Amino acid sequence: MGLDQFAYSVDNTGNKTEISYWRKHPNLQGWMENLWYKKGCPNAHEDNPSEFNCVPMTLDYNDLDNLENDIKNKGLPSTDGFFFGDNSNEHYYQQDLEFVEHARNALDSDLSVVYDSSW
């Protein structure tokens, strides 16, 4: 068990293509959860509407710009959880920036970009 995180693009027919996968990157999860709350908790589960677990969230250019800025400025929030593991910002630094680049390319190609996680 543990925190698994995914980002993928979706075309207009619903086909998904993986952009990135992270295993136990808790601070990215915290950042995404904060964004989810700011967006009004889209796709929340009826049985537990305040839990950001197995909840797909669509990202836009503004989200990616803010994420890139926080990655570069070491602004991902310190986040912990029973299954989350330790701070892995340095380990995933380059991959995080590559994700932002690939996600922007997907948006440029008229694809949706989705972040999802499970723990």
PDB file of N, CA and C in Angstrom:
ATOM      1  N   MET A   1       0.840  -1.174   0.000  1.00  0.00           N
ATOM      2  CA  MET A   1       0.000   0.000   0.000  1.00  0.00           C
ATOM      3  C   MET A   1       0.883   1.234   0.000  1.00  0.00           C
ATOM      4  N   GLY A   2       0.324   2.286  -0.500  1.00  0.00           N
ATOM      5  CA  GLY A   2       1.050   3.532  -0.523  1.00  0.00           C
ATOM      6  C   GLY A   2       0.413   4.489  -1.503  1.00  0.00           C
ATOM      7  N   LEU A   3       0.975   5.650  -1.576  1.00  0.00           N
ATOM      8  CA  LEU A   3       0.472   6.698  -2.453  1.00  0.00           C
ATOM      9  C   LEU A   3       0.984   6.486  -3.870  1.00  0.00           C
ATOM     10  N   ASP A   4       0.068   6.297  -4.800  1.00  0.00           N
ATOM     11  CA  ASP A   4       0.373   6.220  -6.229  1.00  0.00           C
ATOM     12  C   ASP A   4      -0.315   7.389  -6.905  1.00  0.00           C
ATOM     13  N   GLN A   5       0.435   8.076  -7.774  1.00  0.00           N
ATOM     14  CA  GLN A   5      -0.080   9.276  -8.430  1.00  0.00           C
ATOM     15  C   GLN A   5       0.148   9.160  -9.930  1.00  0.00           C
ATOM     16  N   PHE A   6      -0.832   9.635 -10.670  1.00  0.00           N
ATOM     17  CA  PHE A   6      -0.814   9.501 -12.118  1.00  0.00           C
ATOM     18  C   PHE A   6      -1.219  10.819 -12.765  1.00  0.00           C
ATOM     19  N   ALA A   7      -0.664  11.089 -13.913  1.00  0.00           N
ATOM     20  CA  ALA A   7      -1.148  12.174 -14.756  1.00  0.00           C
ATOM     21  C   ALA A   7      -1.262  11.612 -16.155  1.00  0.00           C
ATOM     22  N   TYR A   8      -2.347  11.956 -16.814  1.00  0.00           N
ATOM     23  CA  TYR A   8      -2.568  11.430 -18.155  1.00  0.00           C
ATOM     24  C   TYR A   8      -3.323  12.451 -18.991  1.00  0.00           C
ATOM     25  N   SER A   9      -3.179  12.296 -20.295  1.00  0.00           N
ATOM     26  CA  SER A   9      -3.949  13.121 -21.214  1.00  0.00           C
ATOM     27  C   SER A   9      -5.151  12.316 -21.678  1.00  0.00           C
ATOM     28  N   VAL A  10      -6.196  13.017 -22.079  1.00  0.00           N
ATOM     29  CA  VAL A  10      -7.416  12.387 -22.560  1.00  0.00           C
ATOM     30  C   VAL A  10      -7.821  13.077 -23.853  1.00  0.00           C
ATOM     31  N   ASP A  11      -8.045  12.277 -24.903  1.00  0.00           N
ATOM     32  CA  ASP A  11      -8.502  12.863 -26.162  1.00  0.00           C
ATOM     33  C   ASP A  11     -10.028  12.939 -26.179  1.00  0.00           C
ATOM     34  N   ASN A  12     -10.577  13.480 -27.253  1.00  0.00           N
ATOM     35  CA  ASN A  12     -12.022  13.715 -27.310  1.00  0.00           C
ATOM     36  C   ASN A  12     -12.844  12.427 -27.408  1.00  0.00           C
ATOM     37  N   THR A  13     -12.196  11.279 -27.592  1.00  0.00           N
ATOM     38  CA  THR A  13     -12.916  10.003 -27.589  1.00  0.00           C
ATOM     39  C   THR A  13     -12.774   9.278 -26.243  1.00  0.00           C
ATOM     40  N   GLY A  14     -12.039   9.882 -25.311  1.00  0.00           N
ATOM     41  CA  GLY A  14     -11.869   9.290 -23.990  1.00  0.00           C
ATOM     42  C   GLY A  14     -10.632   8.429 -23.832  1.00  0.00           C
ATOM     43  N   ASN A  15      -9.823   8.332 -24.872  1.00  0.00           N
ATOM     44  CA  ASN A  15      -8.579   7.551 -24.775  1.00  0.00           C
ATOM     45  C   ASN A  15      -7.579   8.270 -23.875  1.00  0.00           C
ATOM     46  N   LYS A  16      -6.975   7.512 -22.956  1.00  0.00           N
ATOM     47  CA  LYS A  16      -6.022   8.060 -21.995  1.00  0.00           C
ATOM     48  C   LYS A  16      -4.604   7.648 -22.367  1.00  0.00           C
ATOM     49  N   THR A  17      -3.667   8.597 -22.191  1.00  0.00           N
ATOM     50  CA  THR A  17      -2.244   8.334 -22.393  1.00  0.00           C
ATOM     51  C   THR A  17      -1.497   8.861 -21.177  1.00  0.00           C
ATOM     52  N   GLU A  18      -0.726   7.982 -20.534  1.00  0.00           N
ATOM     53  CA  GLU A  18       0.008   8.394 -19.342  1.00  0.00           C
ATOM     54  C   GLU A  18       1.052   9.459 -19.674  1.00  0.00           C
ATOM     55  N   ILE A  19       1.090  10.476 -18.843  1.00  0.00           N
ATOM     56  CA  ILE A  19       2.105  11.530 -18.952  1.00  0.00           C
ATOM     57  C   ILE A  19       3.179  11.324 -17.890  1.00  0.00           C
ATOM     58  N   SER A  20       2.745  10.976 -16.672  1.00  0.00           N
ATOM     59  CA  SER A  20       3.706  10.798 -15.587  1.00  0.00           C
ATOM     60  C   SER A  20       3.106   9.909 -14.506  1.00  0.00           C
ATOM     61  N   TYR A  21       3.997   9.260 -13.771  1.00  0.00           N
ATOM     62  CA  TYR A  21       3.609   8.428 -12.632  1.00  0.00           C
ATOM     63  C   TYR A  21       4.593   8.702 -11.503  1.00  0.00           C
ATOM     64  N   TRP A  22       4.053   8.865 -10.305  1.00  0.00           N
ATOM     65  CA  TRP A  22       4.876   9.074  -9.118  1.00  0.00           C
ATOM     66  C   TRP A  22       4.482   8.050  -8.069  1.00  0.00           C
ATOM     67  N   ARG A  23       5.439   7.605  -7.317  1.00  0.00           N
ATOM     68  CA  ARG A  23       5.191   6.698  -6.200  1.00  0.00           C
ATOM     69  C   ARG A  23       5.646   7.398  -4.929  1.00  0.00           C
ATOM     70  N   LYS A  24       4.699   7.763  -4.095  1.00  0.00           N
ATOM     71  CA  LYS A  24       4.959   8.413  -2.806  1.00  0.00           C
ATOM     72  C   LYS A  24       5.690   9.752  -2.956  1.00  0.00           C
ATOM     73  N   HIS A  25       4.992  10.686  -3.581  1.00  0.00           N
ATOM     74  CA  HIS A  25       5.460  12.076  -3.685  1.00  0.00           C
ATOM     75  C   HIS A  25       4.447  12.922  -2.904  1.00  0.00           C
ATOM     76  N   PRO A  26       4.534  12.892  -1.561  1.00  0.00           N
ATOM     77  CA  PRO A  26       3.484  13.478  -0.734  1.00  0.00           C
ATOM     78  C   PRO A  26       3.266  14.976  -0.932  1.00  0.00           C
ATOM     79  N   ASN A  27       4.324  15.725  -1.159  1.00  0.00           N
ATOM     80  CA  ASN A  27       4.148  17.169  -1.281  1.00  0.00           C
ATOM     81  C   ASN A  27       3.432  17.546  -2.579  1.00  0.00           C
ATOM     82  N   LEU A  28       3.641  16.777  -3.633  1.00  0.00           N
ATOM     83  CA  LEU A  28       2.858  16.995  -4.853  1.00  0.00           C
ATOM     84  C   LEU A  28       1.394  16.680  -4.577  1.00  0.00           C
ATOM     85  N   GLN A  29       1.134  15.615  -3.832  1.00  0.00           N
ATOM     86  CA  GLN A  29      -0.237  15.263  -3.474  1.00  0.00           C
ATOM     87  C   GLN A  29      -0.884  16.387  -2.675  1.00  0.00           C
ATOM     88  N   GLY A  30      -0.148  16.942  -1.738  1.00  0.00           N
ATOM     89  CA  GLY A  30      -0.674  18.059  -0.952  1.00  0.00           C
ATOM     90  C   GLY A  30      -0.976  19.268  -1.817  1.00  0.00           C
ATOM     91  N   TRP A  31      -0.086  19.542  -2.766  1.00  0.00           N
ATOM     92  CA  TRP A  31      -0.305  20.670  -3.671  1.00  0.00           C
ATOM     93  C   TRP A  31      -1.573  20.451  -4.487  1.00  0.00           C
ATOM     94  N   MET A  32      -1.715  19.236  -5.022  1.00  0.00           N
ATOM     95  CA  MET A  32      -2.887  18.918  -5.839  1.00  0.00           C
ATOM     96  C   MET A  32      -4.164  18.936  -4.996  1.00  0.00           C
ATOM     97  N   GLU A  33      -4.080  18.462  -3.778  1.00  0.00           N
ATOM     98  CA  GLU A  33      -5.261  18.483  -2.906  1.00  0.00           C
ATOM     99  C   GLU A  33      -5.688  19.920  -2.608  1.00  0.00           C
ATOM    100  N   ASN A  34      -4.718  20.794  -2.342  1.00  0.00           N
ATOM    101  CA  ASN A  34      -5.045  22.209  -2.122  1.00  0.00           C
ATOM    102  C   ASN A  34      -5.726  22.806  -3.350  1.00  0.00           C
ATOM    103  N   LEU A  35      -5.217  22.465  -4.528  1.00  0.00           N
ATOM    104  CA  LEU A  35      -5.825  22.949  -5.772  1.00  0.00           C
ATOM    105  C   LEU A  35      -7.250  22.418  -5.902  1.00  0.00           C
ATOM    106  N   TRP A  36      -7.448  21.155  -5.577  1.00  0.00           N
ATOM    107  CA  TRP A  36      -8.765  20.528  -5.653  1.00  0.00           C
ATOM    108  C   TRP A  36      -9.763  21.274  -4.771  1.00  0.00           C
ATOM    109  N   TYR A  37      -9.342  21.623  -3.550  1.00  0.00           N
ATOM    110  CA  TYR A  37     -10.218  22.397  -2.670  1.00  0.00           C
ATOM    111  C   TYR A  37     -10.524  23.767  -3.285  1.00  0.00           C
ATOM    112  N   LYS A  38      -9.511  24.419  -3.845  1.00  0.00           N
ATOM    113  CA  LYS A  38      -9.722  25.731  -4.469  1.00  0.00           C
ATOM    114  C   LYS A  38     -10.695  25.656  -5.642  1.00  0.00           C
ATOM    115  N   LYS A  39     -10.686  24.521  -6.345  1.00  0.00           N
ATOM    116  CA  LYS A  39     -11.576  24.333  -7.494  1.00  0.00           C
ATOM    117  C   LYS A  39     -12.979  23.906  -7.073  1.00  0.00           C
ATOM    118  N   GLY A  40     -13.205  23.754  -5.783  1.00  0.00           N
ATOM    119  CA  GLY A  40     -14.525  23.370  -5.311  1.00  0.00           C
ATOM    120  C   GLY A  40     -14.753  21.875  -5.223  1.00  0.00           C
ATOM    121  N   CYS A  41     -13.687  21.100  -5.121  1.00  0.00           N
ATOM    122  CA  CYS A  41     -13.757  19.643  -4.954  1.00  0.00           C
ATOM    123  C   CYS A  41     -14.507  18.943  -6.090  1.00  0.00           C
ATOM    124  N   PRO A  42     -14.103  19.180  -7.346  1.00  0.00           N
ATOM    125  CA  PRO A  42     -14.789  18.502  -8.451  1.00  0.00           C
ATOM    126  C   PRO A  42     -14.626  16.985  -8.372  1.00  0.00           C
ATOM    127  N   ASN A  43     -15.649  16.271  -8.780  1.00  0.00           N
ATOM    128  CA  ASN A  43     -15.665  14.802  -8.816  1.00  0.00           C
ATOM    129  C   ASN A  43     -15.547  14.161  -7.436  1.00  0.00           C
ATOM    130  N   ALA A  44     -15.898  14.906  -6.386  1.00  0.00           N
ATOM    131  CA  ALA A  44     -15.812  14.351  -5.033  1.00  0.00           C
ATOM    132  C   ALA A  44     -16.731  13.142  -4.906  1.00  0.00           C
ATOM    133  N   HIS A  45     -16.305  12.198  -4.085  1.00  0.00           N
ATOM    134  CA  HIS A  45     -17.108  11.005  -3.822  1.00  0.00           C
ATOM    135  C   HIS A  45     -18.242  11.351  -2.856  1.00  0.00           C
ATOM    136  N   GLU A  46     -19.431  10.859  -3.142  1.00  0.00           N
ATOM    137  CA  GLU A  46     -20.579  11.143  -2.282  1.00  0.00           C
ATOM    138  C   GLU A  46     -20.381  10.626  -0.863  1.00  0.00           C
ATOM    139  N   ASP A  47     -19.733   9.466  -0.712  1.00  0.00           N
ATOM    140  CA  ASP A  47     -19.581   8.871   0.612  1.00  0.00           C
ATOM    141  C   ASP A  47     -18.508   9.555   1.459  1.00  0.00           C
ATOM    142  N   ASN A  48     -17.592  10.274   0.826  1.00  0.00           N
ATOM    143  CA  ASN A  48     -16.562  11.009   1.561  1.00  0.00           C
ATOM    144  C   ASN A  48     -16.129  12.203   0.718  1.00  0.00           C
ATOM    145  N   PRO A  49     -16.957  13.247   0.677  1.00  0.00           N
ATOM    146  CA  PRO A  49     -16.715  14.359  -0.255  1.00  0.00           C
ATOM    147  C   PRO A  49     -15.499  15.214   0.045  1.00  0.00           C
ATOM    148  N   SER A  50     -14.897  15.083   1.233  1.00  0.00           N
ATOM    149  CA  SER A  50     -13.730  15.913   1.547  1.00  0.00           C
ATOM    150  C   SER A  50     -12.423  15.158   1.409  1.00  0.00           C
ATOM    151  N   GLU A  51     -12.460  13.897   0.915  1.00  0.00           N
ATOM    152  CA  GLU A  51     -11.241  13.110   0.788  1.00  0.00           C
ATOM    153  C   GLU A  51     -10.761  13.096  -0.658  1.00  0.00           C
ATOM    154  N   PHE A  52      -9.538  13.556  -0.851  1.00  0.00           N
ATOM    155  CA  PHE A  52      -8.932  13.603  -2.185  1.00  0.00           C
ATOM    156  C   PHE A  52      -8.167  12.304  -2.411  1.00  0.00           C
ATOM    157  N   ASN A  53      -8.909  11.259  -2.731  1.00  0.00           N
ATOM    158  CA  ASN A  53      -8.352   9.934  -2.964  1.00  0.00           C
ATOM    159  C   ASN A  53      -9.174   9.291  -4.074  1.00  0.00           C
ATOM    160  N   CYS A  54      -8.500   8.885  -5.149  1.00  0.00           N
ATOM    161  CA  CYS A  54      -9.193   8.310  -6.317  1.00  0.00           C
ATOM    162  C   CYS A  54     -10.170   9.315  -6.916  1.00  0.00           C
ATOM    163  N   VAL A  55      -9.723  10.559  -6.993  1.00  0.00           N
ATOM    164  CA  VAL A  55     -10.552  11.636  -7.536  1.00  0.00           C
ATOM    165  C   VAL A  55      -9.802  12.287  -8.698  1.00  0.00           C
ATOM    166  N   PRO A  56     -10.225  12.043  -9.941  1.00  0.00           N
ATOM    167  CA  PRO A  56      -9.549  12.681 -11.071  1.00  0.00           C
ATOM    168  C   PRO A  56      -9.822  14.182 -11.101  1.00  0.00           C
ATOM    169  N   MET A  57      -8.765  14.951 -11.383  1.00  0.00           N
ATOM    170  CA  MET A  57      -8.897  16.404 -11.442  1.00  0.00           C
ATOM    171  C   MET A  57      -8.234  16.919 -12.721  1.00  0.00           C
ATOM    172  N   THR A  58      -8.979  17.665 -13.488  1.00  0.00           N
ATOM    173  CA  THR A  58      -8.472  18.246 -14.729  1.00  0.00           C
ATOM    174  C   THR A  58      -7.614  19.468 -14.411  1.00  0.00           C
ATOM    175  N   LEU A  59      -6.487  19.569 -15.098  1.00  0.00           N
ATOM    176  CA  LEU A  59      -5.556  20.685 -14.924  1.00  0.00           C
ATOM    177  C   LEU A  59      -5.587  21.575 -16.164  1.00  0.00           C
ATOM    178  N   ASP A  60      -5.384  22.866 -15.953  1.00  0.00           N
ATOM    179  CA  ASP A  60      -5.322  23.812 -17.070  1.00  0.00           C
ATOM    180  C   ASP A  60      -3.962  24.516 -17.066  1.00  0.00           C
ATOM    181  N   TYR A  61      -3.782  25.413 -18.030  1.00  0.00           N
ATOM    182  CA  TYR A  61      -2.495  26.114 -18.150  1.00  0.00           C
ATOM    183  C   TYR A  61      -2.143  26.871 -16.865  1.00  0.00           C
ATOM    184  N   ASN A  62      -3.110  27.534 -16.288  1.00  0.00           N
ATOM    185  CA  ASN A  62      -2.856  28.301 -15.075  1.00  0.00           C
ATOM    186  C   ASN A  62      -2.387  27.388 -13.944  1.00  0.00           C
ATOM    187  N   ASP A  63      -3.029  26.233 -13.805  1.00  0.00           N
ATOM    188  CA  ASP A  63      -2.602  25.266 -12.784  1.00  0.00           C
ATOM    189  C   ASP A  63      -1.155  24.853 -13.013  1.00  0.00           C
ATOM    190  N   LEU A  64      -0.819  24.573 -14.260  1.00  0.00           N
ATOM    191  CA  LEU A  64       0.548  24.136 -14.587  1.00  0.00           C
ATOM    192  C   LEU A  64       1.565  25.243 -14.345  1.00  0.00           C
ATOM    193  N   ASP A  65       1.201  26.486 -14.672  1.00  0.00           N
ATOM    194  CA  ASP A  65       2.101  27.611 -14.402  1.00  0.00           C
ATOM    195  C   ASP A  65       2.370  27.740 -12.906  1.00  0.00           C
ATOM    196  N   ASN A  66       1.304  27.632 -12.108  1.00  0.00           N
ATOM    197  CA  ASN A  66       1.457  27.740 -10.655  1.00  0.00           C
ATOM    198  C   ASN A  66       2.267  26.574 -10.096  1.00  0.00           C
ATOM    199  N   LEU A  67       2.026  25.380 -10.619  1.00  0.00           N
ATOM    200  CA  LEU A  67       2.785  24.218 -10.163  1.00  0.00           C
ATOM    201  C   LEU A  67       4.267  24.383 -10.495  1.00  0.00           C
ATOM    202  N   GLU A  68       4.565  24.786 -11.714  1.00  0.00           N
ATOM    203  CA  GLU A  68       5.962  24.983 -12.108  1.00  0.00           C
ATOM    204  C   GLU A  68       6.638  25.997 -11.198  1.00  0.00           C
ATOM    205  N   ASN A  69       5.960  27.090 -10.924  1.00  0.00           N
ATOM    206  CA  ASN A  69       6.516  28.119 -10.055  1.00  0.00           C
ATOM    207  C   ASN A  69       6.803  27.556  -8.663  1.00  0.00           C
ATOM    208  N   ASP A  70       5.869  26.796  -8.125  1.00  0.00           N
ATOM    209  CA  ASP A  70       6.066  26.243  -6.788  1.00  0.00           C
ATOM    210  C   ASP A  70       7.151  25.168  -6.765  1.00  0.00           C
ATOM    211  N   ILE A  71       7.266  24.393  -7.831  1.00  0.00           N
ATOM    212  CA  ILE A  71       8.350  23.411  -7.906  1.00  0.00           C
ATOM    213  C   ILE A  71       9.697  24.124  -7.888  1.00  0.00           C
ATOM    214  N   LYS A  72       9.842  25.105  -8.770  1.00  0.00           N
ATOM    215  CA  LYS A  72      11.121  25.810  -8.891  1.00  0.00           C
ATOM    216  C   LYS A  72      11.482  26.598  -7.641  1.00  0.00           C
ATOM    217  N   ASN A  73      10.471  27.095  -6.927  1.00  0.00           N
ATOM    218  CA  ASN A  73      10.717  27.911  -5.745  1.00  0.00           C
ATOM    219  C   ASN A  73      10.554  27.124  -4.442  1.00  0.00           C
ATOM    220  N   LYS A  74      10.561  25.797  -4.580  1.00  0.00           N
ATOM    221  CA  LYS A  74      10.460  24.909  -3.422  1.00  0.00           C
ATOM    222  C   LYS A  74       9.228  25.241  -2.587  1.00  0.00           C
ATOM    223  N   GLY A  75       8.109  25.452  -3.297  1.00  0.00           N
ATOM    224  CA  GLY A  75       6.871  25.841  -2.638  1.00  0.00           C
ATOM    225  C   GLY A  75       5.822  24.752  -2.533  1.00  0.00           C
ATOM    226  N   LEU A  76       6.202  23.487  -2.791  1.00  0.00           N
ATOM    227  CA  LEU A  76       5.235  22.413  -2.576  1.00  0.00           C
ATOM    228  C   LEU A  76       5.039  22.256  -1.073  1.00  0.00           C
ATOM    229  N   PRO A  77       3.786  22.184  -0.616  1.00  0.00           N
ATOM    230  CA  PRO A  77       3.541  22.166   0.834  1.00  0.00           C
ATOM    231  C   PRO A  77       3.978  20.856   1.484  1.00  0.00           C
ATOM    232  N   SER A  78       4.550  20.945   2.638  1.00  0.00           N
ATOM    233  CA  SER A  78       4.923  19.753   3.397  1.00  0.00           C
ATOM    234  C   SER A  78       3.649  18.986   3.715  1.00  0.00           C
ATOM    235  N   THR A  79       3.599  17.744   3.268  1.00  0.00           N
ATOM    236  CA  THR A  79       2.384  16.942   3.387  1.00  0.00           C
ATOM    237  C   THR A  79       2.750  15.568   3.911  1.00  0.00           C
ATOM    238  N   ASP A  80       1.934  15.069   4.819  1.00  0.00           N
ATOM    239  CA  ASP A  80       2.174  13.712   5.284  1.00  0.00           C
ATOM    240  C   ASP A  80       0.848  12.968   5.372  1.00  0.00           C
ATOM    241  N   GLY A  81       0.961  11.689   5.369  1.00  0.00           N
ATOM    242  CA  GLY A  81      -0.178  10.800   5.480  1.00  0.00           C
ATOM    243  C   GLY A  81       0.356   9.414   5.760  1.00  0.00           C
ATOM    244  N   PHE A  82      -0.470   8.555   6.296  1.00  0.00           N
ATOM    245  CA  PHE A  82      -0.018   7.236   6.714  1.00  0.00           C
ATOM    246  C   PHE A  82       0.657   6.463   5.583  1.00  0.00           C
ATOM    247  N   PHE A  83       0.135   6.577   4.365  1.00  0.00           N
ATOM    248  CA  PHE A  83       0.655   5.824   3.224  1.00  0.00           C
ATOM    249  C   PHE A  83       1.522   6.665   2.291  1.00  0.00           C
ATOM    250  N   PHE A  84       1.842   7.906   2.671  1.00  0.00           N
ATOM    251  CA  PHE A  84       2.429   8.859   1.737  1.00  0.00           C
ATOM    252  C   PHE A  84       3.940   8.785   1.585  1.00  0.00           C
ATOM    253  N   GLY A  85       4.665   8.288   2.567  1.00  0.00           N
ATOM    254  CA  GLY A  85       6.118   8.289   2.489  1.00  0.00           C
ATOM    255  C   GLY A  85       6.693   9.628   2.918  1.00  0.00           C
ATOM    256  N   ASP A  86       7.990   9.790   2.675  1.00  0.00           N
ATOM    257  CA  ASP A  86       8.715  10.983   3.090  1.00  0.00           C
ATOM    258  C   ASP A  86       8.805  12.005   1.967  1.00  0.00           C
ATOM    259  N   ASN A  87       9.231  13.208   2.326  1.00  0.00           N
ATOM    260  CA  ASN A  87       9.443  14.267   1.344  1.00  0.00           C
ATOM    261  C   ASN A  87      10.326  13.736   0.218  1.00  0.00           C
ATOM    262  N   SER A  88       9.837  13.850  -1.006  1.00  0.00           N
ATOM    263  CA  SER A  88      10.598  13.371  -2.168  1.00  0.00           C
ATOM    264  C   SER A  88      10.746  14.452  -3.232  1.00  0.00           C
ATOM    265  N   ASN A  89      10.675  15.713  -2.810  1.00  0.00           N
ATOM    266  CA  ASN A  89      10.767  16.825  -3.766  1.00  0.00           C
ATOM    267  C   ASN A  89      12.036  16.771  -4.603  1.00  0.00           C
ATOM    268  N   GLU A  90      13.163  16.540  -3.951  1.00  0.00           N
ATOM    269  CA  GLU A  90      14.437  16.517  -4.689  1.00  0.00           C
ATOM    270  C   GLU A  90      14.485  15.326  -5.657  1.00  0.00           C
ATOM    271  N   HIS A  91      14.017  14.183  -5.187  1.00  0.00           N
ATOM    272  CA  HIS A  91      14.016  12.981  -6.024  1.00  0.00           C
ATOM    273  C   HIS A  91      13.196  13.193  -7.305  1.00  0.00           C
ATOM    274  N   TYR A  92      12.061  13.870  -7.185  1.00  0.00           N
ATOM    275  CA  TYR A  92      11.150  14.041  -8.318  1.00  0.00           C
ATOM    276  C   TYR A  92      11.270  15.405  -9.007  1.00  0.00           C
ATOM    277  N   TYR A  93      12.211  16.223  -8.597  1.00  0.00           N
ATOM    278  CA  TYR A  93      12.304  17.587  -9.122  1.00  0.00           C
ATOM    279  C   TYR A  93      12.294  17.624 -10.656  1.00  0.00           C
ATOM    280  N   GLN A  94      13.199  16.911 -11.282  1.00  0.00           N
ATOM    281  CA  GLN A  94      13.295  16.941 -12.749  1.00  0.00           C
ATOM    282  C   GLN A  94      12.048  16.335 -13.388  1.00  0.00           C
ATOM    283  N   GLN A  95      11.567  15.247 -12.842  1.00  0.00           N
ATOM    284  CA  GLN A  95      10.361  14.615 -13.383  1.00  0.00           C
ATOM    285  C   GLN A  95       9.152  15.551 -13.272  1.00  0.00           C
ATOM    286  N   ASP A  96       9.057  16.283 -12.175  1.00  0.00           N
ATOM    287  CA  ASP A  96       7.955  17.230 -12.007  1.00  0.00           C
ATOM    288  C   ASP A  96       7.975  18.294 -13.102  1.00  0.00           C
ATOM    289  N   LEU A  97       9.169  18.830 -13.372  1.00  0.00           N
ATOM    290  CA  LEU A  97       9.274  19.849 -14.422  1.00  0.00           C
ATOM    291  C   LEU A  97       8.988  19.249 -15.793  1.00  0.00           C
ATOM    292  N   GLU A  98       9.416  18.022 -16.035  1.00  0.00           N
ATOM    293  CA  GLU A  98       9.109  17.358 -17.302  1.00  0.00           C
ATOM    294  C   GLU A  98       7.613  17.101 -17.432  1.00  0.00           C
ATOM    295  N   PHE A  99       6.964  16.751 -16.332  1.00  0.00           N
ATOM    296  CA  PHE A  99       5.515  16.584 -16.358  1.00  0.00           C
ATOM    297  C   PHE A  99       4.832  17.867 -16.806  1.00  0.00           C
ATOM    298  N   VAL A 100       5.226  18.992 -16.219  1.00  0.00           N
ATOM    299  CA  VAL A 100       4.614  20.274 -16.583  1.00  0.00           C
ATOM    300  C   VAL A 100       4.779  20.527 -18.083  1.00  0.00           C
ATOM    301  N   GLU A 101       5.964  20.284 -18.601  1.00  0.00           N
ATOM    302  CA  GLU A 101       6.222  20.491 -20.033  1.00  0.00           C
ATOM    303  C   GLU A 101       5.346  19.578 -20.888  1.00  0.00           C
ATOM    304  N   HIS A 102       5.296  18.301 -20.560  1.00  0.00           N
ATOM    305  CA  HIS A 102       4.489  17.349 -21.338  1.00  0.00           C
ATOM    306  C   HIS A 102       2.999  17.671 -21.224  1.00  0.00           C
ATOM    307  N   ALA A 103       2.578  18.102 -20.048  1.00  0.00           N
ATOM    308  CA  ALA A 103       1.170  18.455 -19.857  1.00  0.00           C
ATOM    309  C   ALA A 103       0.804  19.677 -20.697  1.00  0.00           C
ATOM    310  N   ARG A 104       1.679  20.664 -20.745  1.00  0.00           N
ATOM    311  CA  ARG A 104       1.416  21.831 -21.601  1.00  0.00           C
ATOM    312  C   ARG A 104       1.329  21.416 -23.071  1.00  0.00           C
ATOM    313  N   ASN A 105       2.222  20.527 -23.489  1.00  0.00           N
ATOM    314  CA  ASN A 105       2.179  20.036 -24.873  1.00  0.00           C
ATOM    315  C   ASN A 105       0.858  19.331 -25.161  1.00  0.00           C
ATOM    316  N   ALA A 106       0.363  18.583 -24.198  1.00  0.00           N
ATOM    317  CA  ALA A 106      -0.928  17.914 -24.373  1.00  0.00           C
ATOM    318  C   ALA A 106      -2.048  18.939 -24.516  1.00  0.00           C
ATOM    319  N   LEU A 107      -2.031  19.958 -23.670  1.00  0.00           N
ATOM    320  CA  LEU A 107      -3.053  21.010 -23.786  1.00  0.00           C
ATOM    321  C   LEU A 107      -2.944  21.722 -25.127  1.00  0.00           C
ATOM    322  N   ASP A 108      -1.724  21.962 -25.593  1.00  0.00           N
ATOM    323  CA  ASP A 108      -1.515  22.585 -26.898  1.00  0.00           C
ATOM    324  C   ASP A 108      -2.093  21.743 -28.026  1.00  0.00           C
ATOM    325  N   SER A 109      -2.192  20.436 -27.797  1.00  0.00           N
ATOM    326  CA  SER A 109      -2.736  19.509 -28.799  1.00  0.00           C
ATOM    327  C   SER A 109      -4.228  19.261 -28.585  1.00  0.00           C
ATOM    328  N   ASP A 110      -4.870  20.137 -27.835  1.00  0.00           N
ATOM    329  CA  ASP A 110      -6.312  20.047 -27.551  1.00  0.00           C
ATOM    330  C   ASP A 110      -6.711  18.787 -26.798  1.00  0.00           C
ATOM    331  N   LEU A 111      -5.821  18.301 -25.945  1.00  0.00           N
ATOM    332  CA  LEU A 111      -6.124  17.187 -25.069  1.00  0.00           C
ATOM    333  C   LEU A 111      -6.395  17.736 -23.669  1.00  0.00           C
ATOM    334  N   SER A 112      -7.121  16.994 -22.877  1.00  0.00           N
ATOM    335  CA  SER A 112      -7.294  17.328 -21.465  1.00  0.00           C
ATOM    336  C   SER A 112      -6.143  16.699 -20.694  1.00  0.00           C
ATOM    337  N   VAL A 113      -5.807  17.292 -19.562  1.00  0.00           N
ATOM    338  CA  VAL A 113      -4.778  16.739 -18.688  1.00  0.00           C
ATOM    339  C   VAL A 113      -5.421  16.493 -17.327  1.00  0.00           C
ATOM    340  N   VAL A 114      -5.229  15.280 -16.815  1.00  0.00           N
ATOM    341  CA  VAL A 114      -5.870  14.864 -15.570  1.00  0.00           C
ATOM    342  C   VAL A 114      -4.818  14.347 -14.596  1.00  0.00           C
ATOM    343  N   TYR A 115      -4.976  14.732 -13.336  1.00  0.00           N
ATOM    344  CA  TYR A 115      -4.175  14.192 -12.230  1.00  0.00           C
ATOM    345  C   TYR A 115      -5.108  13.308 -11.408  1.00  0.00           C
ATOM    346  N   ASP A 116      -4.597  12.171 -10.976  1.00  0.00           N
ATOM    347  CA  ASP A 116      -5.362  11.260 -10.132  1.00  0.00           C
ATOM    348  C   ASP A 116      -4.385  10.570  -9.176  1.00  0.00           C
ATOM    349  N   SER A 117      -4.893  10.074  -8.091  1.00  0.00           N
ATOM    350  CA  SER A 117      -4.044   9.403  -7.116  1.00  0.00           C
ATOM    351  C   SER A 117      -4.875   8.397  -6.330  1.00  0.00           C
ATOM    352  N   SER A 118      -4.157   7.469  -5.727  1.00  0.00           N
ATOM    353  CA  SER A 118      -4.828   6.539  -4.822  1.00  0.00           C
ATOM    354  C   SER A 118      -3.870   6.167  -3.694  1.00  0.00           C
ATOM    355  N   TRP A 119      -4.438   5.946  -2.540  1.00  0.00           N
ATOM    356  CA  TRP A 119      -3.654   5.535  -1.377  1.00  0.00           C
ATOM    357  C   TRP A 119      -4.492   4.667  -0.474  1.00  0.00           C
TER     358      TRP A 119
END
